[in-house]
């Protein structure tokens, strides 16, 4: 039996892996922050996530915030 080294996760499993709520994960998919794969052939969209994609997104510098300084940081510099 061969393995490809790619582990597929459900939305619930991926959210648990990222330690966020599943709704937040699906919001991030719609915003393009996380890559998700929609399964076809169902009325309701079912998502699957690759663990390697989740790991890549965790290491991205802009995952949780923007590259622009926050308002609070700007006020503190004055």
C-alpha atoms as a PDB file:
ATOM      1  CA  UNK A   1       0.000   0.000   0.000  1.00  0.00           C
ATOM      2  CA  UNK A   2       1.479   3.345  -1.043  1.00  0.00           C
ATOM      3  CA  UNK A   3       0.698   6.742   0.422  1.00  0.00           C
ATOM      4  CA  UNK A   4       1.026  10.073  -1.290  1.00  0.00           C
ATOM      5  CA  UNK A   5       1.984  11.912   1.885  1.00  0.00           C
ATOM      6  CA  UNK A   6      -1.123  14.075   1.594  1.00  0.00           C
ATOM      7  CA  UNK A   7      -3.631  13.926   4.380  1.00  0.00           C
ATOM      8  CA  UNK A   8      -7.131  15.175   3.585  1.00  0.00           C
ATOM      9  CA  UNK A   9      -9.215  16.678   6.373  1.00  0.00           C
ATOM     10  CA  UNK A  10     -12.887  17.571   6.725  1.00  0.00           C
ATOM     11  CA  UNK A  11     -13.796  21.144   7.653  1.00  0.00           C
ATOM     12  CA  UNK A  12     -14.292  20.123  11.274  1.00  0.00           C
ATOM     13  CA  UNK A  13     -10.958  18.305  11.428  1.00  0.00           C
ATOM     14  CA  UNK A  14      -9.134  21.185   9.713  1.00  0.00           C
ATOM     15  CA  UNK A  15     -10.684  23.728  12.077  1.00  0.00           C
ATOM     16  CA  UNK A  16      -9.655  21.619  15.064  1.00  0.00           C
ATOM     17  CA  UNK A  17      -6.122  21.376  13.632  1.00  0.00           C
ATOM     18  CA  UNK A  18      -5.973  25.188  13.286  1.00  0.00           C
ATOM     19  CA  UNK A  19      -7.690  25.635  16.679  1.00  0.00           C
ATOM     20  CA  UNK A  20     -10.468  27.776  15.249  1.00  0.00           C
ATOM     21  CA  UNK A  21     -14.213  27.373  14.751  1.00  0.00           C
ATOM     22  CA  UNK A  22     -15.384  25.657  11.530  1.00  0.00           C
ATOM     23  CA  UNK A  23     -17.332  28.796  10.577  1.00  0.00           C
ATOM     24  CA  UNK A  24     -14.118  30.828  10.756  1.00  0.00           C
ATOM     25  CA  UNK A  25     -12.372  28.318   8.509  1.00  0.00           C
ATOM     26  CA  UNK A  26     -15.130  28.504   5.901  1.00  0.00           C
ATOM     27  CA  UNK A  27     -15.026  32.305   6.076  1.00  0.00           C
ATOM     28  CA  UNK A  28     -11.285  32.178   5.413  1.00  0.00           C
ATOM     29  CA  UNK A  29     -11.940  29.919   2.402  1.00  0.00           C
ATOM     30  CA  UNK A  30     -14.370  32.477   0.958  1.00  0.00           C
ATOM     31  CA  UNK A  31     -11.848  35.263   1.616  1.00  0.00           C
ATOM     32  CA  UNK A  32      -9.087  33.281  -0.094  1.00  0.00           C
ATOM     33  CA  UNK A  33      -6.905  33.004   3.025  1.00  0.00           C
ATOM     34  CA  UNK A  34      -7.094  29.202   3.085  1.00  0.00           C
ATOM     35  CA  UNK A  35      -7.190  26.847   0.134  1.00  0.00           C
ATOM     36  CA  UNK A  36     -10.120  24.455   0.250  1.00  0.00           C
ATOM     37  CA  UNK A  37     -11.447  21.898  -2.206  1.00  0.00           C
ATOM     38  CA  UNK A  38     -15.196  21.676  -2.755  1.00  0.00           C
ATOM     39  CA  UNK A  39     -16.539  18.232  -3.540  1.00  0.00           C
ATOM     40  CA  UNK A  40     -18.900  18.140  -6.502  1.00  0.00           C
ATOM     41  CA  UNK A  41     -22.058  16.151  -6.911  1.00  0.00           C
ATOM     42  CA  UNK A  42     -23.792  17.312  -3.762  1.00  0.00           C
ATOM     43  CA  UNK A  43     -26.483  19.902  -3.185  1.00  0.00           C
ATOM     44  CA  UNK A  44     -24.637  21.278  -0.213  1.00  0.00           C
ATOM     45  CA  UNK A  45     -20.997  22.213  -0.620  1.00  0.00           C
ATOM     46  CA  UNK A  46     -18.690  19.836   1.217  1.00  0.00           C
ATOM     47  CA  UNK A  47     -15.126  20.975   1.786  1.00  0.00           C
ATOM     48  CA  UNK A  48     -11.900  19.057   2.146  1.00  0.00           C
ATOM     49  CA  UNK A  49      -8.536  20.496   3.120  1.00  0.00           C
ATOM     50  CA  UNK A  50      -4.986  19.264   2.640  1.00  0.00           C
ATOM     51  CA  UNK A  51      -2.825  19.391   5.740  1.00  0.00           C
ATOM     52  CA  UNK A  52       0.118  20.683   3.687  1.00  0.00           C
ATOM     53  CA  UNK A  53      -1.995  23.667   2.515  1.00  0.00           C
ATOM     54  CA  UNK A  54      -3.005  24.428   6.105  1.00  0.00           C
ATOM     55  CA  UNK A  55       0.619  24.299   7.239  1.00  0.00           C
ATOM     56  CA  UNK A  56       1.643  26.620   4.409  1.00  0.00           C
ATOM     57  CA  UNK A  57      -1.079  29.094   5.360  1.00  0.00           C
ATOM     58  CA  UNK A  58      -0.008  29.053   9.002  1.00  0.00           C
ATOM     59  CA  UNK A  59       3.496  30.124   8.003  1.00  0.00           C
ATOM     60  CA  UNK A  60       2.270  32.956   5.746  1.00  0.00           C
ATOM     61  CA  UNK A  61       2.994  36.409   7.245  1.00  0.00           C
ATOM     62  CA  UNK A  62      -0.392  37.867   6.237  1.00  0.00           C
ATOM     63  CA  UNK A  63      -2.554  34.970   7.476  1.00  0.00           C
ATOM     64  CA  UNK A  64      -4.000  36.643  10.548  1.00  0.00           C
ATOM     65  CA  UNK A  65      -3.562  40.301   9.745  1.00  0.00           C
ATOM     66  CA  UNK A  66      -2.698  42.831   7.133  1.00  0.00           C
ATOM     67  CA  UNK A  67       0.745  44.165   6.389  1.00  0.00           C
ATOM     68  CA  UNK A  68      -0.398  47.693   7.253  1.00  0.00           C
ATOM     69  CA  UNK A  69       0.295  48.969  10.764  1.00  0.00           C
ATOM     70  CA  UNK A  70      -2.664  49.134  13.068  1.00  0.00           C
ATOM     71  CA  UNK A  71      -4.228  52.399  14.227  1.00  0.00           C
ATOM     72  CA  UNK A  72      -3.127  51.716  17.806  1.00  0.00           C
ATOM     73  CA  UNK A  73       0.470  51.259  16.736  1.00  0.00           C
ATOM     74  CA  UNK A  74       0.346  54.475  14.718  1.00  0.00           C
ATOM     75  CA  UNK A  75      -1.045  56.444  17.706  1.00  0.00           C
ATOM     76  CA  UNK A  76       1.647  55.055  20.002  1.00  0.00           C
ATOM     77  CA  UNK A  77       4.390  56.273  17.678  1.00  0.00           C
ATOM     78  CA  UNK A  78       3.292  59.906  17.818  1.00  0.00           C
END
